Amino acid sequence: MNDELLPPDAAARDAAKREEIGAPDPTLHGDDFRFVTRDVRDHERAAVIAVLTESRAEETAQVKRVARRDREPWARSQRVPEGISELLHEG
């Protein structure tokens, strides 16, 4: 059977959509922020942007870990509790 005649599967459609959208730009720029405080100095602005950039990177890494775990059923079943509350939770 010719593969070209078959419609693309879900993975191929998702890959095509990701390719069409392009890679997201995770870079934060100073123009992306509006400071309410007057007379914000350049080094203060840079410090705020650095903290927010690091926070975004940590959140992105966490989301990717969760997404990866959700895609891999064996990892979900073998996962280690993430916090003490999971150990104390009575099921």
Protein backbone atom coordinates (compact mmCIF):
# COMPACT_ATOMS: atom_id res chain seq x y z
CA MET A 1 0.00 0.00 0.00
CA ASN A 2 1.28 3.48 -0.85
CA ASP A 3 1.91 5.65 2.23
CA GLU A 4 1.34 8.84 0.25
CA LEU A 5 -2.34 7.97 -0.20
CA LEU A 6 -2.95 7.59 3.53
CA PRO A 7 -3.78 10.62 5.67
CA PRO A 8 -1.05 11.61 8.12
CA ASP A 9 -1.26 10.14 11.58
CA ALA A 10 -1.64 12.31 14.69
CA ALA A 11 2.10 12.46 15.34
CA ALA A 12 2.79 13.63 11.78
CA ARG A 13 0.06 16.29 12.04
CA ASP A 14 1.46 17.53 15.35
CA ALA A 15 4.98 17.65 13.95
CA ALA A 16 3.74 19.62 10.93
CA LYS A 17 1.95 22.11 13.19
CA ARG A 18 5.08 22.58 15.33
CA GLU A 19 7.16 23.11 12.21
CA GLU A 20 4.64 25.59 10.84
CA ILE A 21 4.54 27.61 14.06
CA GLY A 22 8.29 27.63 14.46
CA ALA A 23 10.34 27.61 17.62
CA PRO A 24 9.09 29.85 20.41
CA ASP A 25 11.36 32.69 21.45
CA PRO A 26 11.80 32.34 25.23
CA THR A 27 14.01 35.42 25.44
CA LEU A 28 12.73 38.20 27.65
CA HIS A 29 13.45 41.73 26.50
CA GLY A 30 13.38 44.98 28.41
CA ASP A 31 10.65 46.23 26.10
CA ASP A 32 8.42 43.37 27.29
CA PHE A 33 8.05 45.02 30.70
CA ARG A 34 6.42 48.16 31.92
CA PHE A 35 7.65 49.29 35.31
CA VAL A 36 5.16 51.16 37.46
CA THR A 37 7.89 52.55 39.69
CA ARG A 38 9.37 55.76 38.37
CA ASP A 39 13.07 56.26 37.73
CA VAL A 40 14.02 52.59 37.45
CA ARG A 41 17.75 52.39 36.86
CA ASP A 42 19.27 50.21 34.16
CA HIS A 43 20.91 47.82 36.64
CA GLU A 44 17.60 47.42 38.51
CA ARG A 45 15.80 46.67 35.26
CA ALA A 46 18.51 44.15 34.33
CA ALA A 47 18.23 42.45 37.74
CA VAL A 48 14.45 42.08 37.42
CA ILE A 49 14.75 40.68 33.91
CA ALA A 50 17.47 38.23 35.05
CA VAL A 51 15.29 36.93 37.90
CA LEU A 52 12.23 36.58 35.67
CA THR A 53 14.27 34.83 32.97
CA GLU A 54 15.59 32.30 35.47
CA SER A 55 12.11 31.77 36.89
CA ARG A 56 10.74 31.15 33.41
CA ALA A 57 13.54 28.67 32.68
CA GLU A 58 12.79 26.73 35.89
CA GLU A 59 9.05 26.64 35.13
CA THR A 60 9.72 25.48 31.57
CA ALA A 61 11.97 22.69 32.81
CA GLN A 62 9.32 21.58 35.30
CA VAL A 63 6.60 21.58 32.63
CA LYS A 64 8.82 19.52 30.33
CA ARG A 65 9.48 16.99 33.12
CA VAL A 66 5.75 16.63 33.80
CA ALA A 67 4.94 16.35 30.09
CA ARG A 68 7.66 13.72 29.64
CA ARG A 69 6.31 11.75 32.59
CA ASP A 70 2.80 11.88 31.14
CA ARG A 71 4.01 10.51 27.80
CA GLU A 72 5.83 7.59 29.40
CA PRO A 73 3.43 5.32 31.30
CA TRP A 74 6.28 3.27 32.80
CA ALA A 75 7.74 6.45 34.33
CA ARG A 76 4.37 7.38 35.82
CA SER A 77 4.04 3.98 37.45
CA GLN A 78 7.60 4.03 38.78
CA ARG A 79 7.73 7.65 39.84
CA VAL A 80 9.08 8.69 43.18
CA PRO A 81 6.86 10.95 45.32
CA GLU A 82 7.81 14.58 44.77
CA GLY A 83 7.02 15.81 48.24
CA ILE A 84 6.39 14.71 51.79
CA SER A 85 2.66 15.31 51.32
CA GLU A 86 2.53 12.46 48.79
CA LEU A 87 4.18 10.13 51.28
CA LEU A 88 1.72 11.10 54.02
CA HIS A 89 -1.36 11.03 51.80
CA GLU A 90 -3.56 8.12 52.72
CA GLY A 91 -5.14 6.63 49.66
